[in-house]
Protein backbone atom coordinates (compact mmCIF):
# COMPACT_ATOMS: atom_id res chain seq x y z
CA MET A 1 122.63 82.70 83.07
CA ASN A 2 120.92 80.52 85.67
CA THR A 3 121.74 79.35 89.17
CA HIS A 4 122.64 75.81 88.03
CA HIS A 5 125.29 77.22 85.72
CA LEU A 6 126.66 79.36 88.56
CA HIS A 7 126.89 76.26 90.79
CA TYR A 8 128.75 74.47 88.01
CA PHE A 9 131.14 77.38 87.59
CA ILE A 10 131.91 77.59 91.33
CA THR A 11 132.53 73.83 91.61
CA LEU A 12 134.81 73.79 88.56
CA ALA A 13 136.69 76.83 89.89
CA GLU A 14 137.31 75.03 93.20
CA LEU A 15 138.34 71.66 91.71
CA GLU A 16 140.12 72.97 88.59
CA HIS A 17 139.34 69.72 86.78
CA TYR A 18 136.43 68.94 84.44
CA THR A 19 136.22 65.22 85.23
CA LYS A 20 136.28 65.74 89.01
CA ALA A 21 133.76 68.58 88.78
CA SER A 22 131.35 66.65 86.55
CA ASP A 23 131.54 63.62 88.90
CA GLN A 24 130.85 65.77 91.96
CA LEU A 25 127.98 67.60 90.26
CA GLY A 26 126.49 64.46 88.77
CA VAL A 27 126.42 65.87 85.23
CA SER A 28 128.17 64.87 82.05
CA GLN A 29 131.31 66.69 80.94
CA PRO A 30 129.59 67.96 77.75
CA ASN A 31 126.78 69.48 79.87
CA LEU A 32 129.34 71.05 82.20
CA SER A 33 131.31 72.46 79.27
CA HIS A 34 128.11 73.81 77.72
CA ALA A 35 127.23 75.58 80.98
CA ILE A 36 130.66 77.21 81.24
CA HIS A 37 130.64 78.28 77.59
CA SER A 38 127.17 79.73 78.10
CA ILE A 39 128.40 81.94 80.94
CA GLU A 40 131.50 82.94 78.99
CA ASN A 41 129.43 83.85 75.94
CA GLU A 42 127.16 86.00 78.05
CA LEU A 43 130.08 87.75 79.74
CA GLN A 44 132.12 87.80 76.51
CA VAL A 45 135.31 86.77 78.35
CA LYS A 46 137.19 83.54 79.07
CA LEU A 47 136.78 82.35 82.67
CA PHE A 48 139.21 79.39 82.53
CA GLN A 49 142.56 78.64 80.97
CA LYS A 50 144.58 75.44 80.58
CA LYS A 51 147.13 74.62 83.28
CA GLY A 52 148.87 71.41 82.32
CA ARG A 53 146.30 68.63 82.58
CA ASN A 54 144.12 70.83 84.70
CA ILE A 55 142.56 74.27 84.30
CA SER A 56 142.71 77.47 86.29
CA LEU A 57 140.74 80.69 86.47
CA THR A 58 141.65 83.66 84.34
CA LYS A 59 141.80 87.08 85.97
CA TYR A 60 138.19 87.55 84.82
CA GLY A 61 137.26 84.21 86.36
CA TYR A 62 138.75 85.22 89.71
CA LEU A 63 136.80 88.45 89.63
CA PHE A 64 133.54 86.77 88.69
CA LEU A 65 133.93 83.98 91.28
CA ASP A 66 133.26 86.28 94.26
CA TYR A 67 130.11 87.63 92.64
CA ALA A 68 128.92 84.15 91.71
CA LYS A 69 129.43 82.88 95.28
CA ASN A 70 127.63 85.87 96.77
CA CYS A 71 124.75 85.43 94.35
CA VAL A 72 124.35 81.69 95.02
CA GLN A 73 124.67 82.13 98.79
CA SER A 74 122.06 84.90 98.77
CA LEU A 75 119.64 82.84 96.68
CA ASP A 76 120.17 79.77 98.87
CA ALA A 77 119.54 81.85 102.01
CA GLY A 78 116.38 83.26 100.45
CA LYS A 79 115.20 79.77 99.53
CA ARG A 80 115.77 78.51 103.08
CA LYS A 81 113.99 81.57 104.50
CA ILE A 82 110.96 81.14 102.24
CA GLN A 83 110.75 77.42 102.98
CA ALA A 84 110.89 78.12 106.72
CA MET A 85 108.24 80.83 106.48
CA ALA A 86 105.88 78.76 104.35
CA GLY A 87 106.41 75.33 105.84
CA GLU A 88 103.59 73.05 106.93
CA ASN A 89 104.45 73.48 110.61
CA SER A 90 106.45 76.68 110.60
CA GLY A 91 106.24 80.22 109.37
CA SER A 92 105.41 83.80 110.18
CA ILE A 93 101.96 85.41 110.45
CA ASN A 94 101.37 89.16 110.28
CA LEU A 95 98.29 89.84 112.41
CA ALA A 96 96.55 93.21 112.71
CA TYR A 97 93.69 94.08 115.04
CA ILE A 98 91.71 97.06 116.23
CA TYR A 99 92.56 98.79 119.49
CA THR A 100 89.72 97.25 121.51
CA LEU A 101 91.22 93.77 121.05
CA GLY A 102 94.76 94.72 121.95
CA SER A 103 94.70 94.34 125.72
CA SER A 104 93.43 90.79 126.03
CA LEU A 105 91.49 89.01 123.30
CA ALA A 106 93.94 89.04 120.38
CA PRO A 107 96.98 88.04 122.49
CA LYS A 108 94.91 85.32 124.17
CA LEU A 109 93.79 83.89 120.81
CA VAL A 110 97.37 83.73 119.58
CA ARG A 111 98.55 82.11 122.81
CA ASN A 112 95.80 79.48 122.55
CA PHE A 113 96.75 78.74 118.94
CA LEU A 114 100.43 78.34 119.85
CA THR A 115 99.59 76.17 122.84
CA GLN A 116 97.34 73.96 120.73
CA ASN A 117 100.18 73.63 118.19
CA SER A 118 103.14 73.50 120.54
CA ASN A 119 105.18 71.43 118.08
CA TYR A 120 105.01 74.23 115.48
CA ASP A 121 107.65 76.87 114.92
CA VAL A 122 105.42 79.90 114.27
CA SER A 123 106.16 83.55 114.92
CA PHE A 124 103.61 86.39 114.95
CA GLN A 125 104.07 90.03 114.08
CA PHE A 126 101.44 92.24 115.71
CA SER A 127 100.03 95.54 114.50
CA VAL A 128 97.29 97.66 116.06
CA GLY A 129 95.24 100.32 114.30
CA ASN A 130 91.83 101.41 113.09
CA SER A 131 89.77 99.36 110.66
CA THR A 132 90.37 101.61 107.65
CA ASP A 133 94.15 101.38 107.94
CA ILE A 134 94.01 97.67 108.68
CA ILE A 135 91.97 96.96 105.54
CA LYS A 136 94.47 98.96 103.48
CA GLY A 137 97.22 96.86 105.05
CA LEU A 138 95.45 93.67 104.02
CA GLN A 139 95.16 94.91 100.44
CA SER A 140 98.84 95.85 100.27
CA GLU A 141 99.80 92.45 101.79
CA LEU A 142 101.27 94.14 104.86
CA TYR A 143 99.04 91.87 106.97
CA ASP A 144 97.98 88.26 106.46
CA VAL A 145 95.00 88.20 108.82
CA ALA A 146 93.09 90.88 110.71
CA PHE A 147 90.35 91.54 113.25
CA CYS A 148 88.43 94.67 112.31
CA SER A 149 85.07 96.13 111.34
CA LYS A 150 83.53 95.17 108.02
CA GLU A 151 83.88 97.57 105.14
CA ARG A 152 80.81 97.44 102.96
CA LEU A 153 80.78 96.77 99.22
CA ARG A 154 84.04 94.83 99.25
CA ASP A 155 84.32 91.57 97.35
CA ASP A 156 88.11 91.16 97.56
CA ILE A 157 88.15 90.54 101.32
CA ILE A 158 86.46 87.73 103.23
CA PHE A 159 84.81 88.98 106.43
CA VAL A 160 83.74 86.35 108.96
CA PRO A 161 81.73 87.59 111.97
CA PHE A 162 83.82 86.69 115.00
CA ILE A 163 82.52 88.42 118.12
CA ARG A 164 79.94 91.01 119.19
CA GLU A 165 80.88 94.02 121.27
CA LYS A 166 78.13 95.58 123.37
CA LEU A 167 78.08 99.37 123.36
CA VAL A 168 77.83 101.29 126.64
CA VAL A 169 77.78 104.91 127.80
CA VAL A 170 80.96 106.07 129.53
CA LEU A 171 80.62 109.11 131.82
CA PRO A 172 82.97 111.01 134.11
CA GLN A 173 82.78 109.83 137.69
CA ASN A 174 80.10 111.59 139.77
CA HIS A 175 78.30 112.82 136.64
CA PRO A 176 74.61 113.47 137.52
CA LEU A 177 73.45 111.09 134.75
CA GLY A 178 75.38 108.32 136.45
CA GLU A 179 72.55 108.02 138.95
CA LYS A 180 70.46 106.31 136.30
CA LYS A 181 71.01 102.60 135.66
CA LYS A 182 70.32 102.99 131.95
CA LEU A 183 70.61 105.93 129.61
CA CYS A 184 69.08 106.75 126.26
CA LEU A 185 70.49 109.14 123.67
CA HIS A 186 67.85 111.73 124.51
CA ASP A 187 69.34 111.89 128.03
CA LEU A 188 72.69 112.70 126.47
CA LYS A 189 71.81 115.02 123.59
CA GLU A 190 72.99 118.15 125.45
CA GLU A 191 76.24 116.52 126.53
CA PRO A 192 79.51 116.86 124.55
CA LEU A 193 80.38 113.61 122.79
CA ILE A 194 83.92 112.24 122.56
CA THR A 195 83.85 109.80 119.70
CA PHE A 196 85.98 107.87 117.26
CA THR A 197 87.53 109.38 114.14
CA LYS A 198 85.84 108.81 110.79
CA SER A 199 88.50 106.27 109.87
CA SER A 200 87.39 104.05 112.75
CA GLY A 201 85.15 101.11 111.94
CA LEU A 202 83.01 101.97 114.95
CA ARG A 203 82.17 105.49 113.79
CA PRO A 204 79.43 104.40 111.29
CA THR A 205 77.81 102.30 114.02
CA ILE A 206 77.59 105.27 116.39
CA GLU A 207 76.31 107.53 113.61
CA GLU A 208 73.64 104.97 112.78
CA LEU A 209 72.64 104.88 116.44
CA TYR A 210 72.15 108.65 116.50
CA GLN A 211 70.31 108.64 113.19
CA SER A 212 67.88 106.03 114.44
CA ALA A 213 67.14 108.30 117.45
CA ASN A 214 66.82 111.34 115.14
CA ILE A 215 69.46 113.23 117.14
CA VAL A 216 72.46 115.23 115.93
CA PRO A 217 75.40 114.54 118.26
CA ASP A 218 77.36 117.39 119.81
CA ILE A 219 80.82 116.11 118.90
CA ALA A 220 83.49 117.74 121.04
CA TYR A 221 86.50 115.55 120.20
CA GLU A 222 87.36 112.80 117.71
CA ILE A 223 90.00 110.29 118.80
CA GLY A 224 91.19 107.13 117.10
CA GLU A 225 92.00 105.02 120.12
CA ASP A 226 89.85 103.69 122.97
CA SER A 227 92.11 104.41 125.93
CA SER A 228 92.57 108.02 124.84
CA ILE A 229 88.81 108.47 124.67
CA ALA A 230 88.41 106.95 128.14
CA GLY A 231 91.14 109.27 129.44
CA LEU A 232 89.35 112.37 128.14
CA VAL A 233 86.07 111.18 129.64
CA SER A 234 87.72 110.59 133.02
CA GLU A 235 88.93 114.20 133.02
CA GLY A 236 85.45 115.57 132.32
CA PHE A 237 85.81 116.58 128.66
CA GLY A 238 82.59 114.80 127.71
CA PHE A 239 81.00 111.36 127.50
CA ALA A 240 81.54 108.50 125.07
CA ILE A 241 79.73 105.56 123.55
CA MET A 242 82.20 102.71 123.44
CA PRO A 243 82.46 98.95 123.43
CA GLU A 244 82.23 97.41 126.88
CA ILE A 245 85.83 96.28 127.19
CA PRO A 246 87.97 95.42 130.25
CA MET A 247 90.26 98.41 129.67
CA LEU A 248 87.50 100.76 130.90
CA ASN A 249 87.82 99.35 134.42
CA SER A 250 91.25 100.94 134.76
CA PHE A 251 89.85 104.48 134.40
CA PRO A 252 87.87 106.54 136.95
CA VAL A 253 84.69 106.56 134.86
CA THR A 254 81.06 105.52 135.24
CA ILE A 255 79.72 102.91 132.83
CA ARG A 256 76.01 102.69 132.08
CA GLN A 257 73.93 100.54 129.74
CA LEU A 258 72.14 102.02 126.73
CA GLU A 259 68.37 101.83 126.72
CA GLU A 260 68.61 101.23 122.98
CA GLU A 261 68.59 97.54 123.79
CA ASN A 262 71.29 95.18 122.55
CA TYR A 263 72.96 97.81 120.44
CA GLN A 264 76.26 96.27 119.44
CA ARG A 265 78.84 96.08 116.73
CA PHE A 266 80.46 93.06 115.11
CA ILE A 267 84.17 92.43 114.87
CA TYR A 268 85.20 90.33 111.90
CA LEU A 269 88.01 88.01 111.02
CA ALA A 270 89.28 89.42 107.72
CA TYR A 271 91.66 88.14 105.05
CA MET A 272 92.14 88.60 101.32
CA LYS A 273 90.07 86.29 99.14
CA GLU A 274 92.55 85.66 96.32
CA LYS A 275 95.85 86.08 98.14
CA TYR A 276 98.15 83.08 98.69
CA HIS A 277 98.38 82.14 102.36
CA SER A 278 101.05 79.92 103.86
CA PRO A 279 99.89 76.60 105.39
CA VAL A 280 100.25 77.89 108.97
CA THR A 281 98.30 81.04 108.11
CA ASN A 282 95.48 78.89 106.75
CA GLN A 283 95.59 76.83 109.94
CA PHE A 284 95.32 79.99 112.04
CA ILE A 285 92.35 81.16 109.94
CA ASP A 286 90.66 77.77 110.43
CA PHE A 287 91.38 77.97 114.17
CA ILE A 288 89.69 81.39 114.42
CA GLN A 289 86.77 80.35 112.23
CA SER A 290 86.11 77.39 114.51
CA MET A 291 85.18 79.93 117.21
CA SER A 292 83.18 82.24 114.96
CA ILE A 293 79.71 83.29 116.07
CA GLU A 294 78.48 81.90 112.73
CA LYS A 295 79.14 78.35 113.95
């Protein structure tokens, strides 16, 4: 049973006449009869009966008609939905990004894309999380595009370096070490560290920083989200090494540069290599790549 046969059945049920139905459908009467017989053979019941020169539905035909209409309407709605989502100038994009991009950069990029393509009908769904969860979401096709840290030894995801984030030391206000303009890890080795959870893409970068200085950090707390870390620092629970992001200015903390010069981490544009992307998703990827630091 296919959707064409169901359309034929519904039309014949409404017109109750083979010639009128075949003319309206643009098919020959033998093809129409074959379609109806095919459905009847599959259901093993008669759907139509003679009514003078016309035909009418049997009780089984009346019962099946509602199901056929619901099926065709549902399939037609799904077709329209898919065509709208995957059109050249319309569609939906599921975008995920790490917490540090949530307050300004990611929303600004989307706004610029929509402004540049004001004649498009594009909607975005936003998700925020850590890099590990975001990469899992890409793999499960929960997200189309993401901004996150790079996960090594992956060949199923394309990672394009997008921006650099400079790392800084964040101290409670009036902390004695705040008197110095720059700090090195040796200045901080006796201080409790508030750092990112192991699922964060930034955690390996901070661990590498400590390893290069041959210091074991005194980790007091592990938090997954930047603002929570800044909140703990502001209340004197320890210090943090974090990206230098605008959000820090809203907390009563002291920000100092690291003497380990130019220590930074990359944030990548990420998307699945083999996955099908709608035309507007590909356009958004091209838009982001045009601003990549690789250019």
